[in-house]
Amino acid sequence: MVYLKIMIILYTKTMCPYCRKVLDTIDERNMADPKNLAELMEKGGKRQVPFLVDEERGVSMYESDDIVEYLEQR
């Protein structure tokens, strides 16, 4: 199995408000939070992760290779 690596690197510092601002735009949602799991089930119908949602373009996908390809094209 071959994993593709996205060459996006973000250097951050704990408690840095500017770093937090950038991280907040990513909108990562951990499945440890039951609210996020319920949202995942509503949007995708499966407990499978990773799951990418690009609401602006109406795109959603589960498979990591597909997600990597999609991100590389953006």
N, C-alpha and C. Protein backbone atom coordinates (compact mmCIF):
# COMPACT_ATOMS: atom_id res chain seq x y z
N MET A 1 0.85 -1.17 0.00
CA MET A 1 0.00 0.00 0.00
C MET A 1 0.89 1.24 0.00
N VAL A 2 0.57 2.20 -0.82
CA VAL A 2 1.34 3.43 -0.92
C VAL A 2 0.52 4.57 -0.34
N TYR A 3 1.13 5.34 0.55
CA TYR A 3 0.48 6.50 1.12
C TYR A 3 1.09 7.74 0.51
N LEU A 4 0.23 8.64 0.09
CA LEU A 4 0.70 9.90 -0.46
C LEU A 4 0.81 10.91 0.67
N LYS A 5 1.82 11.72 0.62
CA LYS A 5 2.01 12.72 1.65
C LYS A 5 1.75 14.09 1.06
N ILE A 6 0.89 14.83 1.70
CA ILE A 6 0.61 16.19 1.28
C ILE A 6 1.68 17.08 1.88
N MET A 7 2.29 17.86 1.07
CA MET A 7 3.39 18.69 1.54
C MET A 7 2.88 20.05 2.01
N ILE A 8 2.02 19.99 2.98
CA ILE A 8 1.57 21.20 3.65
C ILE A 8 2.09 21.09 5.07
N ILE A 9 2.90 22.03 5.47
CA ILE A 9 3.48 22.03 6.81
C ILE A 9 3.05 23.31 7.50
N LEU A 10 2.54 23.17 8.71
CA LEU A 10 2.13 24.33 9.50
C LEU A 10 2.89 24.29 10.82
N TYR A 11 3.71 25.28 11.05
CA TYR A 11 4.43 25.38 12.31
C TYR A 11 3.57 26.20 13.26
N THR A 12 3.36 25.69 14.46
CA THR A 12 2.51 26.37 15.43
C THR A 12 3.19 26.43 16.79
N LYS A 13 2.59 27.18 17.67
CA LYS A 13 3.06 27.30 19.04
C LYS A 13 1.85 27.22 19.95
N THR A 14 1.96 26.47 21.03
CA THR A 14 0.87 26.36 21.98
C THR A 14 0.49 27.73 22.52
N MET A 15 -0.80 27.97 22.62
CA MET A 15 -1.37 29.21 23.14
C MET A 15 -1.16 30.42 22.24
N CYS A 16 -0.79 30.21 21.00
CA CYS A 16 -0.61 31.31 20.05
C CYS A 16 -1.97 31.61 19.41
N PRO A 17 -2.54 32.78 19.62
CA PRO A 17 -3.86 33.07 19.07
C PRO A 17 -3.88 33.10 17.54
N TYR A 18 -2.78 33.48 16.93
CA TYR A 18 -2.72 33.52 15.47
C TYR A 18 -2.67 32.10 14.89
N CYS A 19 -1.94 31.23 15.58
CA CYS A 19 -1.90 29.82 15.17
C CYS A 19 -3.28 29.20 15.31
N ARG A 20 -3.94 29.48 16.42
CA ARG A 20 -5.28 28.95 16.67
C ARG A 20 -6.24 29.41 15.57
N LYS A 21 -6.10 30.66 15.14
CA LYS A 21 -6.96 31.19 14.09
C LYS A 21 -6.82 30.37 12.82
N VAL A 22 -5.59 30.02 12.47
CA VAL A 22 -5.35 29.20 11.27
C VAL A 22 -5.91 27.79 11.47
N LEU A 23 -5.63 27.20 12.63
CA LEU A 23 -6.12 25.85 12.90
C LEU A 23 -7.64 25.80 12.91
N ASP A 24 -8.28 26.85 13.36
CA ASP A 24 -9.74 26.88 13.39
C ASP A 24 -10.36 26.86 11.99
N THR A 25 -9.62 27.31 10.99
CA THR A 25 -10.16 27.28 9.63
C THR A 25 -10.20 25.87 9.07
N ILE A 26 -9.39 24.98 9.64
CA ILE A 26 -9.37 23.58 9.19
C ILE A 26 -10.63 22.86 9.63
N ASP A 27 -11.14 23.19 10.80
CA ASP A 27 -12.37 22.62 11.33
C ASP A 27 -12.30 21.10 11.45
N GLU A 28 -11.25 20.64 12.11
CA GLU A 28 -11.08 19.21 12.38
C GLU A 28 -12.07 18.79 13.45
N ARG A 29 -12.70 17.65 13.26
CA ARG A 29 -13.70 17.17 14.21
C ARG A 29 -13.37 15.74 14.64
N ASN A 30 -13.04 15.60 15.90
CA ASN A 30 -12.63 14.32 16.44
C ASN A 30 -13.86 13.49 16.82
N MET A 31 -13.82 12.21 16.48
CA MET A 31 -14.95 11.33 16.74
C MET A 31 -15.09 10.95 18.21
N ALA A 32 -14.14 11.35 19.05
CA ALA A 32 -14.27 11.11 20.49
C ALA A 32 -15.43 11.92 21.08
N ASP A 33 -15.81 12.99 20.40
CA ASP A 33 -16.93 13.82 20.83
C ASP A 33 -18.21 13.25 20.21
N PRO A 34 -19.16 12.80 21.03
CA PRO A 34 -20.39 12.18 20.51
C PRO A 34 -21.16 13.08 19.54
N LYS A 35 -21.08 14.38 19.74
CA LYS A 35 -21.75 15.33 18.83
C LYS A 35 -21.16 15.21 17.42
N ASN A 36 -19.85 15.08 17.34
CA ASN A 36 -19.19 14.95 16.04
C ASN A 36 -19.53 13.63 15.38
N LEU A 37 -19.61 12.57 16.16
CA LEU A 37 -19.98 11.26 15.61
C LEU A 37 -21.39 11.31 15.04
N ALA A 38 -22.31 11.93 15.76
CA ALA A 38 -23.69 12.06 15.27
C ALA A 38 -23.73 12.84 13.97
N GLU A 39 -22.93 13.90 13.88
CA GLU A 39 -22.87 14.71 12.67
C GLU A 39 -22.31 13.90 11.50
N LEU A 40 -21.26 13.12 11.78
CA LEU A 40 -20.67 12.27 10.75
C LEU A 40 -21.71 11.29 10.21
N MET A 41 -22.46 10.67 11.11
CA MET A 41 -23.48 9.70 10.70
C MET A 41 -24.57 10.38 9.87
N GLU A 42 -24.92 11.59 10.24
CA GLU A 42 -25.94 12.34 9.50
C GLU A 42 -25.46 12.70 8.10
N LYS A 43 -24.22 13.15 8.00
CA LYS A 43 -23.69 13.61 6.71
C LYS A 43 -23.24 12.48 5.81
N GLY A 44 -22.64 11.44 6.40
CA GLY A 44 -22.06 10.39 5.57
C GLY A 44 -22.71 9.04 5.69
N GLY A 45 -23.38 8.79 6.81
CA GLY A 45 -24.08 7.54 6.98
C GLY A 45 -23.24 6.38 7.49
N LYS A 46 -21.93 6.61 7.70
CA LYS A 46 -21.05 5.56 8.20
C LYS A 46 -20.17 6.13 9.31
N ARG A 47 -19.65 5.24 10.16
CA ARG A 47 -18.73 5.65 11.22
C ARG A 47 -17.29 5.71 10.72
N GLN A 48 -17.10 5.54 9.45
CA GLN A 48 -15.77 5.46 8.85
C GLN A 48 -15.10 6.83 8.83
N VAL A 49 -13.80 6.85 9.16
CA VAL A 49 -12.99 8.05 9.04
C VAL A 49 -11.69 7.68 8.34
N PRO A 50 -11.03 8.59 7.66
CA PRO A 50 -11.37 9.99 7.57
C PRO A 50 -12.56 10.23 6.64
N PHE A 51 -13.22 11.33 6.87
CA PHE A 51 -14.35 11.75 6.05
C PHE A 51 -14.17 13.24 5.80
N LEU A 52 -14.09 13.62 4.55
CA LEU A 52 -13.88 15.02 4.17
C LEU A 52 -15.18 15.60 3.65
N VAL A 53 -15.48 16.80 4.09
CA VAL A 53 -16.64 17.54 3.58
C VAL A 53 -16.16 18.90 3.13
N ASP A 54 -16.39 19.21 1.86
CA ASP A 54 -16.12 20.54 1.32
C ASP A 54 -17.50 21.12 1.01
N GLU A 55 -18.06 21.81 1.99
CA GLU A 55 -19.42 22.33 1.85
C GLU A 55 -19.53 23.35 0.73
N GLU A 56 -18.47 24.09 0.50
CA GLU A 56 -18.48 25.11 -0.55
C GLU A 56 -18.69 24.50 -1.93
N ARG A 57 -18.10 23.32 -2.15
CA ARG A 57 -18.20 22.68 -3.47
C ARG A 57 -19.18 21.50 -3.48
N GLY A 58 -19.82 21.22 -2.36
CA GLY A 58 -20.77 20.11 -2.30
C GLY A 58 -20.12 18.75 -2.46
N VAL A 59 -18.89 18.61 -1.93
CA VAL A 59 -18.12 17.38 -2.07
C VAL A 59 -17.98 16.72 -0.71
N SER A 60 -18.17 15.40 -0.67
CA SER A 60 -17.88 14.64 0.53
C SER A 60 -17.30 13.30 0.11
N MET A 61 -16.34 12.79 0.91
CA MET A 61 -15.70 11.53 0.54
C MET A 61 -15.05 10.90 1.76
N TYR A 62 -14.95 9.57 1.73
CA TYR A 62 -14.36 8.80 2.81
C TYR A 62 -12.93 8.33 2.53
N GLU A 63 -12.66 7.81 1.40
CA GLU A 63 -11.40 7.11 1.16
C GLU A 63 -10.19 8.04 1.21
N SER A 64 -9.18 7.65 1.98
CA SER A 64 -8.02 8.52 2.19
C SER A 64 -7.30 8.86 0.89
N ASP A 65 -7.17 7.90 -0.02
CA ASP A 65 -6.52 8.19 -1.30
C ASP A 65 -7.31 9.22 -2.10
N ASP A 66 -8.63 9.12 -2.06
CA ASP A 66 -9.47 10.10 -2.74
C ASP A 66 -9.34 11.48 -2.10
N ILE A 67 -9.28 11.51 -0.77
CA ILE A 67 -9.14 12.78 -0.06
C ILE A 67 -7.81 13.44 -0.40
N VAL A 68 -6.74 12.66 -0.38
CA VAL A 68 -5.42 13.20 -0.72
C VAL A 68 -5.42 13.74 -2.15
N GLU A 69 -5.96 13.00 -3.07
CA GLU A 69 -6.01 13.46 -4.47
C GLU A 69 -6.82 14.75 -4.58
N TYR A 70 -7.94 14.81 -3.90
CA TYR A 70 -8.79 16.00 -3.92
C TYR A 70 -8.04 17.21 -3.36
N LEU A 71 -7.37 17.03 -2.24
CA LEU A 71 -6.63 18.14 -1.62
C LEU A 71 -5.46 18.59 -2.50
N GLU A 72 -4.81 17.65 -3.14
CA GLU A 72 -3.70 18.01 -4.03
C GLU A 72 -4.18 18.82 -5.23
N GLN A 73 -5.40 18.60 -5.67
CA GLN A 73 -5.95 19.32 -6.81
C GLN A 73 -6.40 20.72 -6.40
N ARG A 74 -6.58 20.96 -5.14
CA ARG A 74 -7.05 22.27 -4.68
C ARG A 74 -5.86 23.10 -4.37
